[in-house]
Protein backbone atom coordinates (compact mmCIF):
# COMPACT_ATOMS: atom_id res chain seq x y z
CA UNK A 1 0.00 0.00 0.00
CA UNK A 2 1.35 3.42 -0.94
CA UNK A 3 1.85 5.90 1.85
CA UNK A 4 0.75 9.52 1.69
CA UNK A 5 3.21 12.35 1.28
CA UNK A 6 2.82 13.28 4.93
CA UNK A 7 3.49 9.70 6.00
CA UNK A 8 6.59 9.54 3.84
CA UNK A 9 7.86 12.74 5.41
CA UNK A 10 7.18 11.29 8.84
CA UNK A 11 9.21 8.24 7.85
CA UNK A 12 12.11 10.41 6.79
CA UNK A 13 11.97 12.25 10.10
CA UNK A 14 11.49 9.34 12.43
CA UNK A 15 13.10 6.27 10.91
CA UNK A 16 16.63 5.34 10.02
CA UNK A 17 17.40 5.49 6.29
CA UNK A 18 19.75 3.80 3.89
CA UNK A 19 19.62 6.43 1.17
CA UNK A 20 19.89 4.95 -2.30
CA UNK A 21 18.64 1.50 -1.27
CA UNK A 22 15.20 -0.02 -1.22
CA UNK A 23 14.58 0.85 2.42
CA UNK A 24 14.52 4.63 2.24
CA UNK A 25 12.56 5.76 5.24
CA UNK A 26 12.21 2.31 6.75
CA UNK A 27 11.11 -1.14 5.66
CA UNK A 28 7.55 -0.05 4.94
CA UNK A 29 8.64 2.92 2.87
CA UNK A 30 7.13 2.98 -0.62
CA UNK A 31 7.74 6.21 -2.58
CA UNK A 32 4.58 7.88 -3.76
CA UNK A 33 4.28 7.92 -7.55
CA UNK A 34 4.38 11.16 -9.48
CA UNK A 35 0.82 10.61 -10.67
CA UNK A 36 -0.29 10.30 -7.06
CA UNK A 37 1.64 13.46 -6.16
CA UNK A 38 -0.21 15.34 -8.89
CA UNK A 39 -3.48 13.79 -7.77
CA UNK A 40 -2.83 15.05 -4.23
CA UNK A 41 -2.10 18.49 -5.62
CA UNK A 42 -5.37 18.49 -7.54
CA UNK A 43 -7.31 17.48 -4.47
CA UNK A 44 -5.68 20.08 -2.26
CA UNK A 45 -4.72 22.91 -4.60
CA UNK A 46 -7.38 22.65 -7.28
CA UNK A 47 -10.05 21.84 -4.77
CA UNK A 48 -9.15 24.92 -2.81
CA UNK A 49 -9.27 27.07 -5.94
CA UNK A 50 -12.52 25.75 -7.35
CA UNK A 51 -14.17 25.32 -3.97
CA UNK A 52 -13.36 28.58 -2.23
CA UNK A 53 -12.12 31.00 -4.88
CA UNK A 54 -14.09 29.82 -7.92
CA UNK A 55 -11.17 29.57 -10.32
CA UNK A 56 -11.44 26.91 -13.07
CA UNK A 57 -9.50 23.73 -12.41
CA UNK A 58 -7.52 23.94 -15.65
CA UNK A 59 -6.01 27.19 -14.41
CA UNK A 60 -5.37 25.72 -10.96
CA UNK A 61 -3.23 22.91 -12.35
CA UNK A 62 -1.54 24.89 -15.11
CA UNK A 63 1.41 26.52 -13.34
CA UNK A 64 4.35 26.61 -15.73
CA UNK A 65 8.09 26.62 -15.11
CA UNK A 66 9.44 29.22 -17.54
CA UNK A 67 12.91 29.17 -19.04
CA UNK A 68 13.23 32.93 -19.42
CA UNK A 69 12.73 35.53 -16.71
CA UNK A 70 10.55 33.31 -14.54
CA UNK A 71 12.99 30.40 -14.62
CA UNK A 72 14.38 31.47 -11.26
CA UNK A 73 11.07 32.71 -9.93
CA UNK A 74 8.49 30.31 -11.36
CA UNK A 75 6.52 30.32 -8.13
CA UNK A 76 6.84 33.98 -7.19
CA UNK A 77 3.32 35.04 -6.18
CA UNK A 78 3.79 38.57 -7.48
CA UNK A 79 5.16 37.39 -10.85
CA UNK A 80 2.19 35.06 -11.25
CA UNK A 81 -0.23 37.87 -10.41
CA UNK A 82 1.37 40.21 -12.94
CA UNK A 83 1.18 37.48 -15.54
CA UNK A 84 -2.51 37.02 -14.73
CA UNK A 85 -3.01 40.79 -15.03
CA UNK A 86 -1.54 40.85 -18.52
CA UNK A 87 -3.56 37.84 -19.63
CA UNK A 88 -6.80 39.21 -18.16
CA UNK A 89 -6.27 42.60 -19.76
CA UNK A 90 -5.61 41.07 -23.17
CA UNK A 91 -8.75 38.94 -22.86
CA UNK A 92 -10.89 41.89 -21.75
CA UNK A 93 -9.63 44.59 -24.11
CA UNK A 94 -8.25 42.59 -27.03
CA UNK A 95 -4.81 42.03 -28.51
CA UNK A 96 -4.60 45.38 -30.28
CA UNK A 97 -5.38 47.42 -27.17
CA UNK A 98 -2.93 45.30 -25.19
CA UNK A 99 -0.09 45.87 -27.67
CA UNK A 100 -0.78 49.59 -27.96
CA UNK A 101 -1.15 50.07 -24.20
CA UNK A 102 2.01 48.19 -23.29
CA UNK A 103 4.10 50.02 -25.87
CA UNK A 104 2.64 53.38 -24.87
CA UNK A 105 3.62 52.89 -21.24
CA UNK A 106 6.96 51.11 -21.56
CA UNK A 107 8.26 52.21 -24.93
CA UNK A 108 8.80 48.58 -26.00
CA UNK A 109 6.72 46.41 -28.29
CA UNK A 110 4.87 43.53 -26.65
CA UNK A 111 5.61 40.03 -27.84
CA UNK A 112 2.61 37.71 -27.70
CA UNK A 113 4.89 34.67 -27.83
CA UNK A 114 6.94 35.69 -24.82
CA UNK A 115 4.68 36.80 -22.00
CA UNK A 116 7.45 36.10 -19.48
CA UNK A 117 9.58 38.80 -21.06
CA UNK A 118 6.76 41.30 -20.52
CA UNK A 119 6.50 40.23 -16.87
CA UNK A 120 10.25 40.79 -16.59
CA UNK A 121 9.83 44.31 -17.94
CA UNK A 122 7.09 45.08 -15.44
CA UNK A 123 9.12 43.75 -12.50
CA UNK A 124 12.48 45.13 -13.62
CA UNK A 125 14.06 47.58 -11.13
CA UNK A 126 14.03 50.12 -13.96
CA UNK A 127 10.73 49.00 -15.43
CA UNK A 128 8.15 51.58 -16.41
CA UNK A 129 5.54 50.32 -13.95
CA UNK A 130 7.73 50.85 -10.87
CA UNK A 131 7.86 54.63 -11.27
CA UNK A 132 5.04 57.13 -11.76
CA UNK A 133 4.15 57.63 -15.42
CA UNK A 134 5.32 61.16 -16.27
CA UNK A 135 2.31 61.85 -18.44
CA UNK A 136 -0.19 59.42 -16.93
CA UNK A 137 -3.08 61.83 -17.57
CA UNK A 138 -2.25 61.76 -21.29
CA UNK A 139 -2.33 57.98 -21.66
CA UNK A 140 -4.98 56.50 -23.91
CA UNK A 141 -7.94 54.77 -22.26
CA UNK A 142 -6.45 51.34 -22.93
CA UNK A 143 -2.98 52.25 -21.65
CA UNK A 144 -4.48 53.98 -18.60
CA UNK A 145 -6.54 50.88 -17.74
CA UNK A 146 -3.51 48.60 -18.13
CA UNK A 147 -1.37 50.96 -16.06
CA UNK A 148 -3.93 51.07 -13.26
CA UNK A 149 -4.33 47.28 -13.20
CA UNK A 150 -0.59 46.66 -12.86
CA UNK A 151 -0.06 49.49 -10.35
CA UNK A 152 -2.73 48.00 -8.07
CA UNK A 153 -0.99 44.63 -8.08
CA UNK A 154 2.43 46.20 -7.49
CA UNK A 155 1.09 47.90 -4.36
CA UNK A 156 2.32 46.42 -1.10
CA UNK A 157 0.54 43.33 0.19
CA UNK A 158 0.78 41.75 3.57
CA UNK A 159 1.01 38.83 5.96
CA UNK A 160 -0.35 38.90 9.49
CA UNK A 161 -1.90 37.01 12.35
CA UNK A 162 -5.29 35.35 12.35
CA UNK A 163 -8.13 37.64 11.28
CA UNK A 164 -6.38 40.98 11.61
CA UNK A 165 -6.73 43.18 8.55
CA UNK A 166 -3.26 44.19 7.47
CA UNK A 167 -1.21 46.73 5.61
CA UNK A 168 0.84 45.85 2.59
CA UNK A 169 4.36 44.86 3.51
CA UNK A 170 5.35 42.19 1.03
CA UNK A 171 8.60 42.76 -0.83
CA UNK A 172 9.10 40.09 -3.45
CA UNK A 173 12.70 38.84 -3.68
CA UNK A 174 12.80 39.51 -7.42
CA UNK A 175 12.17 43.22 -6.97
CA UNK A 176 14.83 45.65 -5.77
CA UNK A 177 13.97 49.32 -6.18
CA UNK A 178 15.60 52.42 -4.80
CA UNK A 179 13.60 54.26 -2.17
CA UNK A 180 11.83 57.29 -3.52
CA UNK A 181 12.28 60.43 -1.47
CA UNK A 182 8.87 61.66 -0.43
CA UNK A 183 7.89 64.56 1.79
CA UNK A 184 5.76 62.83 4.41
CA UNK A 185 4.24 66.14 5.43
CA UNK A 186 3.09 67.09 1.94
CA UNK A 187 -0.33 68.80 2.42
CA UNK A 188 -3.54 68.61 0.39
CA UNK A 189 -3.40 65.03 -0.80
CA UNK A 190 -6.21 62.63 -1.64
CA UNK A 191 -6.22 59.77 0.80
CA UNK A 192 -9.11 57.73 2.04
CA UNK A 193 -12.50 56.65 0.70
CA UNK A 194 -15.51 57.15 2.94
CA UNK A 195 -19.20 56.17 2.77
CA UNK A 196 -22.73 57.33 3.43
CA UNK A 197 -22.45 57.04 7.19
CA UNK A 198 -20.87 60.51 7.04
CA UNK A 199 -22.36 63.94 6.26
CA UNK A 200 -20.03 64.44 3.28
CA UNK A 201 -20.71 60.92 2.07
CA UNK A 202 -24.48 61.49 2.02
CA UNK A 203 -24.12 64.81 0.21
CA UNK A 204 -21.74 63.49 -2.47
CA UNK A 205 -23.70 60.27 -2.98
CA UNK A 206 -26.83 62.32 -3.69
CA UNK A 207 -24.91 64.41 -6.22
CA UNK A 208 -23.60 61.21 -7.82
CA UNK A 209 -27.09 59.74 -8.26
CA UNK A 210 -28.29 62.95 -9.91
CA UNK A 211 -25.28 63.02 -12.25
CA UNK A 212 -25.76 59.32 -13.02
CA UNK A 213 -29.38 59.78 -14.14
CA UNK A 214 -28.40 62.84 -16.18
CA UNK A 215 -25.61 60.94 -17.95
CA UNK A 216 -27.98 58.12 -18.93
CA UNK A 217 -30.51 60.60 -20.28
CA UNK A 218 -27.83 62.44 -22.29
CA UNK A 219 -26.77 59.10 -23.76
CA UNK A 220 -30.29 58.68 -25.19
CA UNK A 221 -31.60 56.20 -22.65
CA UNK A 222 -34.33 56.54 -20.03
CA UNK A 223 -33.02 56.66 -16.44
CA UNK A 224 -34.89 55.17 -13.50
CA UNK A 225 -35.98 57.93 -11.13
CA UNK A 226 -36.77 57.84 -7.44
CA UNK A 227 -40.41 58.47 -8.31
CA UNK A 228 -40.44 55.28 -10.38
CA UNK A 229 -39.83 53.16 -7.28
CA UNK A 230 -42.87 51.73 -5.55
CA UNK A 231 -42.41 52.98 -2.00
CA UNK A 232 -45.32 50.82 -0.90
CA UNK A 233 -43.02 47.82 -1.33
CA UNK A 234 -39.76 49.35 -0.15
CA UNK A 235 -38.97 52.03 2.45
CA UNK A 236 -38.99 55.49 0.89
CA UNK A 237 -35.49 56.25 2.16
CA UNK A 238 -34.14 53.34 0.11
CA UNK A 239 -35.76 54.44 -3.15
CA UNK A 240 -32.86 56.68 -4.34
CA UNK A 241 -30.35 53.84 -4.00
CA UNK A 242 -32.62 51.27 -5.68
CA UNK A 243 -33.11 53.63 -8.61
CA UNK A 244 -29.37 54.28 -8.77
CA UNK A 245 -28.59 50.54 -8.84
CA UNK A 246 -30.92 50.13 -11.81
CA UNK A 247 -29.22 53.02 -13.58
CA UNK A 248 -25.79 51.63 -12.76
CA UNK A 249 -26.54 48.52 -14.85
CA UNK A 250 -26.73 50.77 -17.93
CA UNK A 251 -23.27 52.33 -17.45
CA UNK A 252 -20.13 51.29 -19.29
CA UNK A 253 -16.68 51.55 -17.72
CA UNK A 254 -15.94 54.87 -19.38
CA UNK A 255 -19.11 56.39 -17.95
CA UNK A 256 -18.29 55.05 -14.48
CA UNK A 257 -14.84 56.62 -14.62
CA UNK A 258 -16.27 59.93 -15.84
CA UNK A 259 -18.77 60.00 -12.99
CA UNK A 260 -15.94 59.39 -10.56
CA UNK A 261 -13.91 62.24 -12.05
CA UNK A 262 -16.92 64.57 -11.78
CA UNK A 263 -18.18 63.59 -8.32
CA UNK A 264 -15.37 61.68 -6.56
CA UNK A 265 -17.84 58.80 -6.07
CA UNK A 266 -17.77 55.20 -7.33
CA UNK A 267 -19.70 52.04 -6.53
CA UNK A 268 -17.36 49.58 -4.80
CA UNK A 269 -17.12 45.83 -5.27
CA UNK A 270 -19.82 45.19 -2.66
CA UNK A 271 -22.26 47.53 -4.43
CA UNK A 272 -22.02 50.42 -1.94
CA UNK A 273 -21.08 53.96 -2.95
CA UNK A 274 -17.66 55.29 -1.95
CA UNK A 275 -16.59 58.93 -1.71
CA UNK A 276 -12.98 60.07 -2.07
CA UNK A 277 -12.17 62.96 0.23
CA UNK A 278 -9.55 65.70 -0.16
CA UNK A 279 -8.26 66.68 3.28
CA UNK A 280 -6.71 70.09 3.75
CA UNK A 281 -3.99 68.50 5.80
CA UNK A 282 -2.88 64.90 6.29
CA UNK A 283 0.48 64.88 8.01
CA UNK A 284 2.22 62.93 10.72
CA UNK A 285 2.40 64.86 13.99
CA UNK A 286 6.10 64.29 14.53
CA UNK A 287 6.04 66.74 17.42
CA UNK A 288 4.00 64.17 19.38
CA UNK A 289 6.34 61.29 18.51
CA UNK A 290 9.52 62.48 20.19
CA UNK A 291 9.75 59.20 22.13
CA UNK A 292 10.09 57.36 18.80
CA UNK A 293 12.64 59.62 17.16
CA UNK A 294 16.41 59.37 17.08
CA UNK A 295 17.49 62.76 18.31
CA UNK A 296 20.81 64.18 19.36
CA UNK A 297 20.92 67.56 21.02
CA UNK A 298 17.24 68.02 20.27
CA UNK A 299 17.77 67.58 16.52
CA UNK A 300 16.00 64.90 14.47
CA UNK A 301 18.81 62.71 13.13
CA UNK A 302 16.89 60.46 10.74
CA UNK A 303 13.53 59.70 9.18
CA UNK A 304 13.22 56.50 11.23
CA UNK A 305 10.66 56.02 13.98
CA UNK A 306 11.22 53.39 16.69
CA UNK A 307 7.98 52.18 18.28
CA UNK A 308 9.51 49.92 20.93
CA UNK A 309 8.08 52.25 23.60
CA UNK A 310 4.81 53.00 21.78
CA UNK A 311 2.66 50.93 24.14
CA UNK A 312 3.90 53.01 27.09
CA UNK A 313 2.03 56.01 25.67
CA UNK A 314 -1.70 56.41 25.15
CA UNK A 315 -1.31 57.44 21.49
CA UNK A 316 -4.56 57.94 19.62
CA UNK A 317 -4.94 58.40 15.86
CA UNK A 318 -5.65 62.11 16.25
CA UNK A 319 -2.44 62.45 18.31
CA UNK A 320 -0.44 60.95 15.43
CA UNK A 321 -2.06 62.16 12.23
CA UNK A 322 -3.45 65.50 11.09
CA UNK A 323 -6.63 64.50 9.26
CA UNK A 324 -9.40 66.82 10.43
CA UNK A 325 -11.76 66.20 7.49
CA UNK A 326 -11.87 62.52 8.31
CA UNK A 327 -12.31 63.10 12.04
CA UNK A 328 -15.21 65.45 11.34
CA UNK A 329 -16.97 62.88 9.17
CA UNK A 330 -16.53 60.09 11.72
CA UNK A 331 -16.72 62.21 14.86
CA UNK A 332 -19.55 60.33 16.54
CA UNK A 333 -19.54 56.79 17.91
CA UNK A 334 -21.31 54.13 15.84
CA UNK A 335 -23.78 52.09 17.87
CA UNK A 336 -25.42 48.70 17.50
CA UNK A 337 -29.19 48.27 17.27
CA UNK A 338 -29.12 47.59 21.02
CA UNK A 339 -27.58 51.00 21.65
CA UNK A 340 -24.10 49.84 22.66
CA UNK A 341 -21.03 51.51 21.13
CA UNK A 342 -19.56 49.37 18.34
CA UNK A 343 -16.98 51.86 17.05
CA UNK A 344 -15.62 54.95 18.76
CA UNK A 345 -15.02 58.25 16.94
CA UNK A 346 -12.36 57.38 14.40
CA UNK A 347 -9.83 59.86 15.77
CA UNK A 348 -9.85 57.96 19.08
CA UNK A 349 -8.48 54.73 17.58
CA UNK A 350 -5.60 53.55 19.77
CA UNK A 351 -2.20 53.04 18.10
CA UNK A 352 -0.02 50.19 19.39
CA UNK A 353 3.15 48.39 18.37
CA UNK A 354 2.86 45.62 15.79
CA UNK A 355 4.13 42.37 17.27
CA UNK A 356 5.77 39.65 15.17
CA UNK A 357 3.74 36.57 14.41
CA UNK A 358 6.09 33.55 14.67
CA UNK A 359 4.38 31.94 11.67
CA UNK A 360 5.56 34.78 9.43
CA UNK A 361 8.84 32.91 9.01
CA UNK A 362 6.87 30.51 6.78
CA UNK A 363 5.58 33.29 4.56
CA UNK A 364 7.40 35.62 2.19
CA UNK A 365 6.84 38.93 3.89
CA UNK A 366 6.66 40.89 7.09
CA UNK A 367 3.69 42.58 8.70
CA UNK A 368 4.21 46.33 8.88
CA UNK A 369 0.79 47.13 10.28
CA UNK A 370 -2.62 45.66 11.05
CA UNK A 371 -6.09 46.70 12.16
CA UNK A 372 -8.10 44.78 14.75
CA UNK A 373 -11.82 45.59 14.24
CA UNK A 374 -12.86 43.91 17.49
CA UNK A 375 -10.67 46.12 19.67
CA UNK A 376 -10.64 49.01 17.14
CA UNK A 377 -6.85 49.28 17.35
CA UNK A 378 -4.23 49.96 14.68
CA UNK A 379 -0.84 48.27 15.11
CA UNK A 380 2.29 49.78 13.55
CA UNK A 381 5.88 48.57 13.15
CA UNK A 382 8.96 50.75 13.54
CA UNK A 383 10.41 52.04 10.31
CA UNK A 384 10.72 54.85 7.84
CA UNK A 385 8.22 57.65 8.50
CA UNK A 386 7.06 57.65 4.88
CA UNK A 387 6.20 53.94 5.06
CA UNK A 388 4.57 54.35 8.46
CA UNK A 389 2.30 57.04 7.11
CA UNK A 390 1.38 54.86 4.12
CA UNK A 391 0.70 51.92 6.47
CA UNK A 392 -1.45 54.11 8.67
CA UNK A 393 -3.55 55.23 5.69
CA UNK A 394 -4.02 51.60 4.59
CA UNK A 395 -5.17 50.47 8.03
CA UNK A 396 -7.35 53.53 8.40
CA UNK A 397 -9.18 52.45 5.27
CA UNK A 398 -9.93 49.11 6.94
CA UNK A 399 -11.27 51.00 9.96
CA UNK A 400 -13.55 52.97 7.62
CA UNK A 401 -14.70 49.76 5.92
CA UNK A 402 -15.80 48.33 9.26
CA UNK A 403 -17.66 51.51 10.15
CA UNK A 404 -19.44 51.61 6.78
CA UNK A 405 -20.13 47.91 6.43
CA UNK A 406 -18.00 47.82 3.27
CA UNK A 407 -16.30 44.68 2.04
CA UNK A 408 -13.31 44.25 4.33
CA UNK A 409 -9.73 43.13 3.93
CA UNK A 410 -7.85 40.14 5.27
CA UNK A 411 -4.40 38.58 5.27
CA UNK A 412 -2.59 35.81 3.45
CA UNK A 413 -1.80 34.03 6.69
CA UNK A 414 -5.44 34.33 7.76
CA UNK A 415 -6.60 32.77 4.48
CA UNK A 416 -4.08 29.95 4.82
CA UNK A 417 -5.21 29.26 8.38
CA UNK A 418 -8.88 29.09 7.38
CA UNK A 419 -8.77 27.09 4.15
CA UNK A 420 -8.14 23.69 5.72
CA UNK A 421 -4.82 23.13 3.96
CA UNK A 422 -2.82 22.99 7.23
CA UNK A 423 -0.26 25.08 5.36
CA UNK A 424 1.86 26.32 8.28
CA UNK A 425 2.34 22.89 9.87
CA UNK A 426 3.09 21.28 6.53
CA UNK A 427 5.59 24.03 5.70
CA UNK A 428 7.29 23.54 9.06
CA UNK A 429 7.50 19.81 8.42
CA UNK A 430 8.84 20.32 4.90
CA UNK A 431 11.60 22.64 6.11
CA UNK A 432 12.47 20.23 8.93
CA UNK A 433 12.72 17.27 6.55
CA UNK A 434 14.82 19.23 4.06
CA UNK A 435 17.28 20.32 6.74
CA UNK A 436 17.50 16.79 8.12
CA UNK A 437 18.31 15.35 4.69
CA UNK A 438 20.81 18.10 3.93
CA UNK A 439 22.57 17.64 7.27
CA UNK A 440 22.80 13.89 6.71
CA UNK A 441 24.33 14.55 3.30
CA UNK A 442 26.88 16.92 4.83
CA UNK A 443 27.88 14.19 7.26
CA UNK A 444 29.02 12.23 4.20
CA UNK A 445 30.50 15.04 2.14
CA UNK A 446 32.24 18.17 3.42
CA UNK A 447 30.51 20.98 1.56
CA UNK A 448 33.28 23.50 2.16
CA UNK A 449 35.94 21.02 0.98
CA UNK A 450 33.96 20.21 -2.14
CA UNK A 451 33.54 23.90 -2.87
CA UNK A 452 37.28 24.52 -2.40
CA UNK A 453 38.09 21.58 -4.71
CA UNK A 454 35.70 22.89 -7.32
CA UNK A 455 37.36 26.30 -7.28
CA UNK A 456 40.84 24.75 -7.34
CA UNK A 457 39.96 22.75 -10.46
CA UNK A 458 39.77 26.04 -12.33
CA UNK A 459 43.37 26.96 -11.47
CA UNK A 460 46.78 25.78 -12.52
CA UNK A 461 48.28 23.05 -10.25
CA UNK A 462 50.67 25.48 -8.54
CA UNK A 463 47.96 28.11 -8.00
CA UNK A 464 45.56 25.47 -6.74
CA UNK A 465 47.97 24.12 -4.12
CA UNK A 466 48.65 27.61 -2.75
CA UNK A 467 45.00 28.58 -2.75
CA UNK A 468 43.84 25.36 -1.04
CA UNK A 469 46.47 25.90 1.65
CA UNK A 470 45.18 29.44 2.23
CA UNK A 471 41.65 28.10 2.80
CA UNK A 472 42.68 25.42 5.30
CA UNK A 473 42.22 27.44 8.51
CA UNK A 474 38.83 27.26 10.31
CA UNK A 475 37.84 30.86 9.56
CA UNK A 476 38.47 30.50 5.82
CA UNK A 477 36.59 27.20 5.73
CA UNK A 478 33.63 28.79 7.48
CA UNK A 479 33.57 31.54 4.85
CA UNK A 480 33.83 28.95 2.07
CA UNK A 481 30.94 27.02 3.64
CA UNK A 482 28.71 30.11 3.65
CA UNK A 483 29.45 30.71 -0.04
CA UNK A 484 28.91 27.04 -0.86
CA UNK A 485 25.63 26.74 1.07
CA UNK A 486 24.09 29.66 -0.76
CA UNK A 487 24.97 28.10 -4.14
CA UNK A 488 23.93 24.63 -2.95
CA UNK A 489 20.45 25.61 -1.76
CA UNK A 490 19.66 27.38 -5.01
CA UNK A 491 21.17 24.60 -7.11
CA UNK A 492 19.27 21.67 -5.62
CA UNK A 493 15.89 23.35 -6.15
CA UNK A 494 16.68 24.15 -9.77
CA UNK A 495 17.98 20.65 -10.44
CA UNK A 496 14.92 19.08 -8.82
CA UNK A 497 12.58 21.26 -10.89
CA UNK A 498 14.41 20.39 -14.10
CA UNK A 499 14.60 16.65 -13.42
CA UNK A 500 11.03 16.15 -12.19
CA UNK A 501 9.58 15.43 -15.63
CA UNK A 502 12.62 13.36 -16.65
CA UNK A 503 12.36 10.85 -13.83
CA UNK A 504 8.58 10.92 -13.93
CA UNK A 505 8.65 9.52 -17.45
CA UNK A 506 11.84 7.41 -17.40
CA UNK A 507 12.31 6.40 -13.78
CA UNK A 508 14.26 7.69 -10.82
CA UNK A 509 17.53 6.07 -11.92
CA UNK A 510 17.51 8.29 -15.02
CA UNK A 511 18.13 11.40 -12.94
CA UNK A 512 20.69 13.61 -14.67
CA UNK A 513 22.52 16.18 -12.59
CA UNK A 514 24.95 17.80 -15.01
CA UNK A 515 24.33 21.36 -16.17
CA UNK A 516 25.12 23.17 -19.41
CA UNK A 517 24.11 26.83 -19.26
CA UNK A 518 24.36 27.08 -23.05
CA UNK A 519 21.54 24.53 -23.31
CA UNK A 520 18.03 26.15 -23.11
CA UNK A 521 16.68 24.08 -20.17
CA UNK A 522 19.69 25.16 -18.10
CA UNK A 523 19.55 28.86 -18.98
CA UNK A 524 18.38 29.72 -15.48
CA UNK A 525 21.46 28.28 -13.77
CA UNK A 526 24.34 30.57 -12.85
CA UNK A 527 27.91 29.87 -13.94
CA UNK A 528 28.84 28.94 -10.36
CA UNK A 529 25.87 26.60 -10.06
CA UNK A 530 26.91 24.92 -13.30
CA UNK A 531 30.40 24.30 -11.94
CA UNK A 532 29.05 23.04 -8.62
CA UNK A 533 26.51 20.70 -10.24
CA UNK A 534 29.05 19.17 -12.59
CA UNK A 535 31.53 18.76 -9.74
CA UNK A 536 28.98 16.84 -7.59
CA UNK A 537 27.14 15.02 -10.39
CA UNK A 538 29.17 11.81 -9.99
CA UNK A 539 29.07 11.78 -6.17
CA UNK A 540 26.87 8.84 -5.12
CA UNK A 541 25.73 10.45 -1.89
CA UNK A 542 24.68 13.60 -3.76
CA UNK A 543 22.88 11.51 -6.40
CA UNK A 544 20.91 9.62 -3.75
CA UNK A 545 20.06 12.86 -1.98
CA UNK A 546 18.79 14.41 -5.22
CA UNK A 547 16.59 11.38 -5.94
CA UNK A 548 14.65 12.02 -2.74
CA UNK A 549 14.73 15.78 -3.20
CA UNK A 550 13.36 15.49 -6.74
CA UNK A 551 10.83 12.70 -6.34
CA UNK A 552 9.35 13.54 -2.94
CA UNK A 553 10.45 16.68 -1.16
CA UNK A 554 10.46 19.21 -4.01
CA UNK A 555 6.95 18.27 -5.19
CA UNK A 556 5.72 18.80 -1.63
CA UNK A 557 7.45 22.19 -1.49
CA UNK A 558 5.95 23.21 -4.82
CA UNK A 559 2.48 22.10 -3.75
CA UNK A 560 2.83 24.32 -0.69
CA UNK A 561 4.08 27.15 -2.92
CA UNK A 562 0.96 26.77 -5.02
CA UNK A 563 -1.29 26.86 -1.96
CA UNK A 564 0.51 29.99 -0.87
CA UNK A 565 0.13 31.57 -4.33
CA UNK A 566 -3.59 30.82 -4.29
CA UNK A 567 -3.95 32.55 -0.91
CA UNK A 568 -1.79 35.44 -2.16
CA UNK A 569 -4.02 35.93 -5.18
CA UNK A 570 -7.21 35.67 -3.13
CA UNK A 571 -5.83 38.27 -0.72
CA UNK A 572 -4.73 40.71 -3.41
CA UNK A 573 -8.06 40.40 -5.26
CA UNK A 574 -10.14 40.88 -2.12
CA UNK A 575 -12.19 44.05 -2.54
CA UNK A 576 -11.29 45.52 0.83
CA UNK A 577 -7.57 45.08 0.18
CA UNK A 578 -7.76 46.60 -3.30
CA UNK A 579 -9.54 49.59 -1.80
CA UNK A 580 -6.98 50.00 1.00
CA UNK A 581 -4.11 49.81 -1.52
CA UNK A 582 -5.92 52.39 -3.60
CA UNK A 583 -6.05 54.71 -0.57
CA UNK A 584 -2.26 54.31 -0.28
CA UNK A 585 -1.73 54.98 -3.99
CA UNK A 586 -3.64 58.23 -3.78
CA UNK A 587 -0.80 59.60 -1.64
CA UNK A 588 1.34 59.65 -4.79
CA UNK A 589 -1.23 59.71 -7.58
CA UNK A 590 -3.88 62.25 -6.70
CA UNK A 591 -5.97 61.73 -9.86
CA UNK A 592 -5.67 57.95 -10.07
CA UNK A 593 -8.90 56.25 -11.08
CA UNK A 594 -10.06 53.15 -9.22
CA UNK A 595 -9.10 49.97 -11.04
CA UNK A 596 -12.06 48.62 -13.08
CA UNK A 597 -11.93 45.49 -10.92
CA UNK A 598 -12.77 47.63 -7.87
CA UNK A 599 -16.16 48.61 -9.32
CA UNK A 600 -19.33 46.72 -8.57
CA UNK A 601 -20.18 44.12 -11.20
CA UNK A 602 -23.94 44.56 -11.49
CA UNK A 603 -24.29 42.26 -14.49
CA UNK A 604 -22.00 39.94 -16.42
CA UNK A 605 -19.87 42.10 -18.68
């Protein structure tokens, strides 16, 4: 009887092994077939997609390992999301609009046969999408829509504890951009999006509904008016919104955007109207944060704020942020139907230090901030004042969402904890097994010695003898080990990914561990990895290790990567998160339109 992947991993952890023989993992050890591995993935990964996120199964099982830009980052969540963005845009707007839009923004022609190259351009440190478009207002409609879609995805995302709603903090390892100098106290900037539980929200929503009916009439159609609603069947106070919803079904995307530009109002993903506000002043009150500043002689020495002592002070939002327009609109407590206070005036939200969730080590990011709607508290991490302000705006949007009953945000870790995949425990186990196998291998081969030999093979005999002698002391060997381990960890994953299909079709004994970077399948290997692989390719202990890595452990790791990517995509596409990222973007892009995906989908388009 075949054992499950989890059982096999337990065997590797708990039983003695004779790697390379028939008793790997114990006498009852029977390696799971590749077909069964894929079947498990379909049950866990595809089931999760189709069951909880409603993505077709053919997409769920279609992750590719690219040989161009994505060769080293085939399972990067952000890269996969960007790729999805490009594919979705092309499907929605057509090939011509896609080509024109991409070239208009980046200055390069798109290549339909090489989507990975386009992803590489988007994610490049100098790519057009990582800096504000100089003439964004002059972009064509197609280019503007494409630009907005990608910018939303490139906004920070986040990982946090349990159900806390979090601020974007994810920095993908394939992106490295220089910090942009921003004046954190820049006044008169568009920030948050409020609703009809505020005086301004009610006023602007009414203006929007009037403008909406007028636009439909001017387009030659007949708008639904409040007087057309039978108030005998519905409360009279709901008639304006019911009429507006009927009118909304007649609008195209261009009309929705125009209404937003005219009124500052749009209908969010949950169907409720949102109002963008323009505060006169939205600045950090640095004068109240002296305890968090690095000062010498009374002079601020840096733009860094240290919140280690934050919980010692009763810091409220209004003590930290100038944002009087917002405080005026949410100046009263919000009560339940029973009359108890559910949310305090928004300016009274308590600010506390963000603590580290130990499970974050199994994710790809760090929580910079979070909002707890139960306690009505915003948590912030120490850091650059510009980022702290951006984090605060993001979390403030989640506080508004809870007060308005808008669609809320979430977190990747929260999704993973709720979806039944047991992701964190399985990731812990996978890491533990990998380290155990690697350590057992290193008991048989000295990684530093092998690395030194490999380097010496590139030298003349006399140079090699002198160089090997220089590396013989403990300090030098430790340095060589650190270099070797970095190359080794990257190499074994790439080799396992490359060889998976080979041994699946021809058997585990057909594993081939040599590398030729001039050969297309090996294009993603570095020169040093090529040398290292070829040096170890005839070592029996390394071969036996790679058989297990390729046939069992790497598939498990990639299944977990897929589960993570699914949660990442669900998080990024969540309406409340898109809205909170939009609030952050407005700090830099005052006239940025909401992404079309943020609008309510009244009918199938």
